[in-house]
Amino acid sequence: MLPDTKQKMDELVNQSKVFVFMKGNKLMPMCGFSNNVVQILNSLGVPYETFDVLEDEGVRQAVKEYSNWPTIPQVYVNGEFIGGSDVLIELYQKGELQQILEVALAS
């Protein structure tokens, strides 16, 4: 990954304690997986920011390399990659996501 691209990705994921690369945005998710993530985060009432990868093909491709994860959405907490829709659902169902977010938001 080019240094400029990596810097852009770093800036994006660090602009909010909880950040999501997704298709669409939190007001209008454009795929079911992105919608799952939005519904979970909304149900927990945590503040988060999103980036619509459908509006920037460069970021859409770069995010996959940045995280070494092939699918979108991708969730970051405190700049650290947590996972995609399936991982978030699993963490939520186990009660672990709530703990991760409480710690992150308290820091």
C-alpha atoms as a PDB file:
ATOM      1  CA  MET A   1       0.000   0.000   0.000  1.00  0.00           C
ATOM      2  CA  LEU A   2       1.297   3.415  -0.935  1.00  0.00           C
ATOM      3  CA  PRO A   3       2.234   5.684   2.005  1.00  0.00           C
ATOM      4  CA  ASP A   4      -0.317   8.331   0.952  1.00  0.00           C
ATOM      5  CA  THR A   5      -3.078   5.726   0.820  1.00  0.00           C
ATOM      6  CA  LYS A   6      -2.109   4.290   4.203  1.00  0.00           C
ATOM      7  CA  GLN A   7      -2.099   7.777   5.720  1.00  0.00           C
ATOM      8  CA  LYS A   8      -5.577   8.459   4.322  1.00  0.00           C
ATOM      9  CA  MET A   9      -6.868   5.179   5.760  1.00  0.00           C
ATOM     10  CA  ASP A  10      -5.258   5.919   9.152  1.00  0.00           C
ATOM     11  CA  GLU A  11      -6.919   9.346   9.205  1.00  0.00           C
ATOM     12  CA  LEU A  12     -10.313   7.874   8.348  1.00  0.00           C
ATOM     13  CA  VAL A  13     -10.318   5.118  10.978  1.00  0.00           C
ATOM     14  CA  ASN A  14      -9.014   7.475  13.664  1.00  0.00           C
ATOM     15  CA  GLN A  15     -11.556  10.257  13.134  1.00  0.00           C
ATOM     16  CA  SER A  16     -13.970   8.529  15.519  1.00  0.00           C
ATOM     17  CA  LYS A  17     -13.629   5.963  18.322  1.00  0.00           C
ATOM     18  CA  VAL A  18     -16.006   3.742  16.335  1.00  0.00           C
ATOM     19  CA  PHE A  19     -15.649   3.879  12.562  1.00  0.00           C
ATOM     20  CA  VAL A  20     -17.318   1.803   9.835  1.00  0.00           C
ATOM     21  CA  PHE A  21     -16.437   1.378   6.175  1.00  0.00           C
ATOM     22  CA  MET A  22     -19.722   0.358   4.603  1.00  0.00           C
ATOM     23  CA  LYS A  23     -21.923   0.457   1.533  1.00  0.00           C
ATOM     24  CA  GLY A  24     -24.128   3.484   2.032  1.00  0.00           C
ATOM     25  CA  ASN A  25     -24.199   5.406   5.299  1.00  0.00           C
ATOM     26  CA  LYS A  26     -25.745   5.047   8.738  1.00  0.00           C
ATOM     27  CA  LEU A  27     -28.916   6.783   7.569  1.00  0.00           C
ATOM     28  CA  MET A  28     -29.237   4.673   4.412  1.00  0.00           C
ATOM     29  CA  PRO A  29     -27.279   1.406   4.363  1.00  0.00           C
ATOM     30  CA  MET A  30     -27.034   0.009   0.834  1.00  0.00           C
ATOM     31  CA  CYS A  31     -26.623  -3.685   1.663  1.00  0.00           C
ATOM     32  CA  GLY A  32     -27.917  -6.101   4.277  1.00  0.00           C
ATOM     33  CA  PHE A  33     -24.527  -6.638   5.896  1.00  0.00           C
ATOM     34  CA  SER A  34     -23.966  -2.904   6.319  1.00  0.00           C
ATOM     35  CA  ASN A  35     -27.507  -2.613   7.687  1.00  0.00           C
ATOM     36  CA  ASN A  36     -26.750  -5.330  10.278  1.00  0.00           C
ATOM     37  CA  VAL A  37     -23.783  -3.315  11.562  1.00  0.00           C
ATOM     38  CA  VAL A  38     -25.795  -0.081  11.692  1.00  0.00           C
ATOM     39  CA  GLN A  39     -28.651  -1.782  13.561  1.00  0.00           C
ATOM     40  CA  ILE A  40     -26.275  -3.247  16.156  1.00  0.00           C
ATOM     41  CA  LEU A  41     -24.421   0.024  16.748  1.00  0.00           C
ATOM     42  CA  ASN A  42     -27.683   1.991  16.884  1.00  0.00           C
ATOM     43  CA  SER A  43     -29.179  -0.476  19.371  1.00  0.00           C
ATOM     44  CA  LEU A  44     -26.165   0.064  21.637  1.00  0.00           C
ATOM     45  CA  GLY A  45     -26.491   3.835  21.349  1.00  0.00           C
ATOM     46  CA  VAL A  46     -22.810   4.420  20.648  1.00  0.00           C
ATOM     47  CA  PRO A  47     -21.558   7.347  18.558  1.00  0.00           C
ATOM     48  CA  TYR A  48     -19.899   6.270  15.321  1.00  0.00           C
ATOM     49  CA  GLU A  49     -18.906   7.573  11.921  1.00  0.00           C
ATOM     50  CA  THR A  50     -19.155   5.870   8.547  1.00  0.00           C
ATOM     51  CA  PHE A  51     -17.541   6.069   5.128  1.00  0.00           C
ATOM     52  CA  ASP A  52     -19.499   5.062   2.026  1.00  0.00           C
ATOM     53  CA  VAL A  53     -17.133   2.946  -0.073  1.00  0.00           C
ATOM     54  CA  LEU A  54     -19.558   3.144  -3.018  1.00  0.00           C
ATOM     55  CA  GLU A  55     -18.537   6.788  -3.413  1.00  0.00           C
ATOM     56  CA  ASP A  56     -14.775   6.153  -3.599  1.00  0.00           C
ATOM     57  CA  GLU A  57     -13.486   3.110  -5.485  1.00  0.00           C
ATOM     58  CA  GLY A  58      -9.930   3.785  -4.313  1.00  0.00           C
ATOM     59  CA  VAL A  59     -10.936   3.519  -0.662  1.00  0.00           C
ATOM     60  CA  ARG A  60     -13.177   0.541  -1.439  1.00  0.00           C
ATOM     61  CA  GLN A  61     -10.152  -1.397  -2.682  1.00  0.00           C
ATOM     62  CA  ALA A  62      -7.642   0.028  -0.188  1.00  0.00           C
ATOM     63  CA  VAL A  63      -9.711  -0.906   2.870  1.00  0.00           C
ATOM     64  CA  LYS A  64      -9.462  -4.592   1.964  1.00  0.00           C
ATOM     65  CA  GLU A  65      -5.669  -4.398   1.894  1.00  0.00           C
ATOM     66  CA  TYR A  66      -5.513  -2.102   4.929  1.00  0.00           C
ATOM     67  CA  SER A  67      -7.321  -4.616   7.144  1.00  0.00           C
ATOM     68  CA  ASN A  68      -6.352  -7.775   5.279  1.00  0.00           C
ATOM     69  CA  TRP A  69     -10.088  -8.550   5.259  1.00  0.00           C
ATOM     70  CA  PRO A  70     -11.866  -9.169   1.935  1.00  0.00           C
ATOM     71  CA  THR A  71     -15.376  -7.940   2.678  1.00  0.00           C
ATOM     72  CA  ILE A  72     -17.260  -4.781   3.567  1.00  0.00           C
ATOM     73  CA  PRO A  73     -18.510  -3.561   6.028  1.00  0.00           C
ATOM     74  CA  GLN A  74     -15.484  -3.240   8.268  1.00  0.00           C
ATOM     75  CA  VAL A  75     -15.674  -1.953  11.831  1.00  0.00           C
ATOM     76  CA  TYR A  76     -12.817  -0.228  13.666  1.00  0.00           C
ATOM     77  CA  VAL A  77     -12.743   0.639  17.358  1.00  0.00           C
ATOM     78  CA  ASN A  78     -10.017   3.024  18.540  1.00  0.00           C
ATOM     79  CA  GLY A  79      -8.291   2.558  15.183  1.00  0.00           C
ATOM     80  CA  GLU A  80      -8.180  -1.231  15.553  1.00  0.00           C
ATOM     81  CA  PHE A  81      -9.946  -3.510  13.083  1.00  0.00           C
ATOM     82  CA  ILE A  82     -12.654  -5.535  14.841  1.00  0.00           C
ATOM     83  CA  GLY A  83     -14.286  -7.358  11.924  1.00  0.00           C
ATOM     84  CA  GLY A  84     -17.187  -7.382   9.536  1.00  0.00           C
ATOM     85  CA  SER A  85     -20.892  -8.026   9.891  1.00  0.00           C
ATOM     86  CA  ASP A  86     -20.633 -11.678  10.964  1.00  0.00           C
ATOM     87  CA  VAL A  87     -17.965 -10.934  13.586  1.00  0.00           C
ATOM     88  CA  LEU A  88     -19.961  -8.001  14.958  1.00  0.00           C
ATOM     89  CA  ILE A  89     -23.124 -10.111  15.208  1.00  0.00           C
ATOM     90  CA  GLU A  90     -21.215 -12.833  17.057  1.00  0.00           C
ATOM     91  CA  LEU A  91     -19.572 -10.368  19.470  1.00  0.00           C
ATOM     92  CA  TYR A  92     -22.933  -8.687  20.075  1.00  0.00           C
ATOM     93  CA  GLN A  93     -24.736 -11.957  20.792  1.00  0.00           C
ATOM     94  CA  LYS A  94     -22.036 -12.999  23.271  1.00  0.00           C
ATOM     95  CA  GLY A  95     -22.165  -9.610  25.022  1.00  0.00           C
ATOM     96  CA  GLU A  96     -18.523  -8.972  24.154  1.00  0.00           C
ATOM     97  CA  LEU A  97     -19.145  -6.077  21.764  1.00  0.00           C
ATOM     98  CA  GLN A  98     -20.770  -4.023  24.502  1.00  0.00           C
ATOM     99  CA  GLN A  99     -17.670  -4.495  26.676  1.00  0.00           C
ATOM    100  CA  ILE A 100     -15.289  -3.593  23.836  1.00  0.00           C
ATOM    101  CA  LEU A 101     -17.242  -0.414  23.120  1.00  0.00           C
ATOM    102  CA  GLU A 102     -17.571   0.614  26.776  1.00  0.00           C
ATOM    103  CA  VAL A 103     -13.802   0.362  27.240  1.00  0.00           C
ATOM    104  CA  ALA A 104     -13.108   2.234  23.991  1.00  0.00           C
ATOM    105  CA  LEU A 105     -15.517   5.045  24.713  1.00  0.00           C
ATOM    106  CA  ALA A 106     -14.178   5.455  28.249  1.00  0.00           C
ATOM    107  CA  SER A 107     -10.592   5.887  27.028  1.00  0.00           C
END
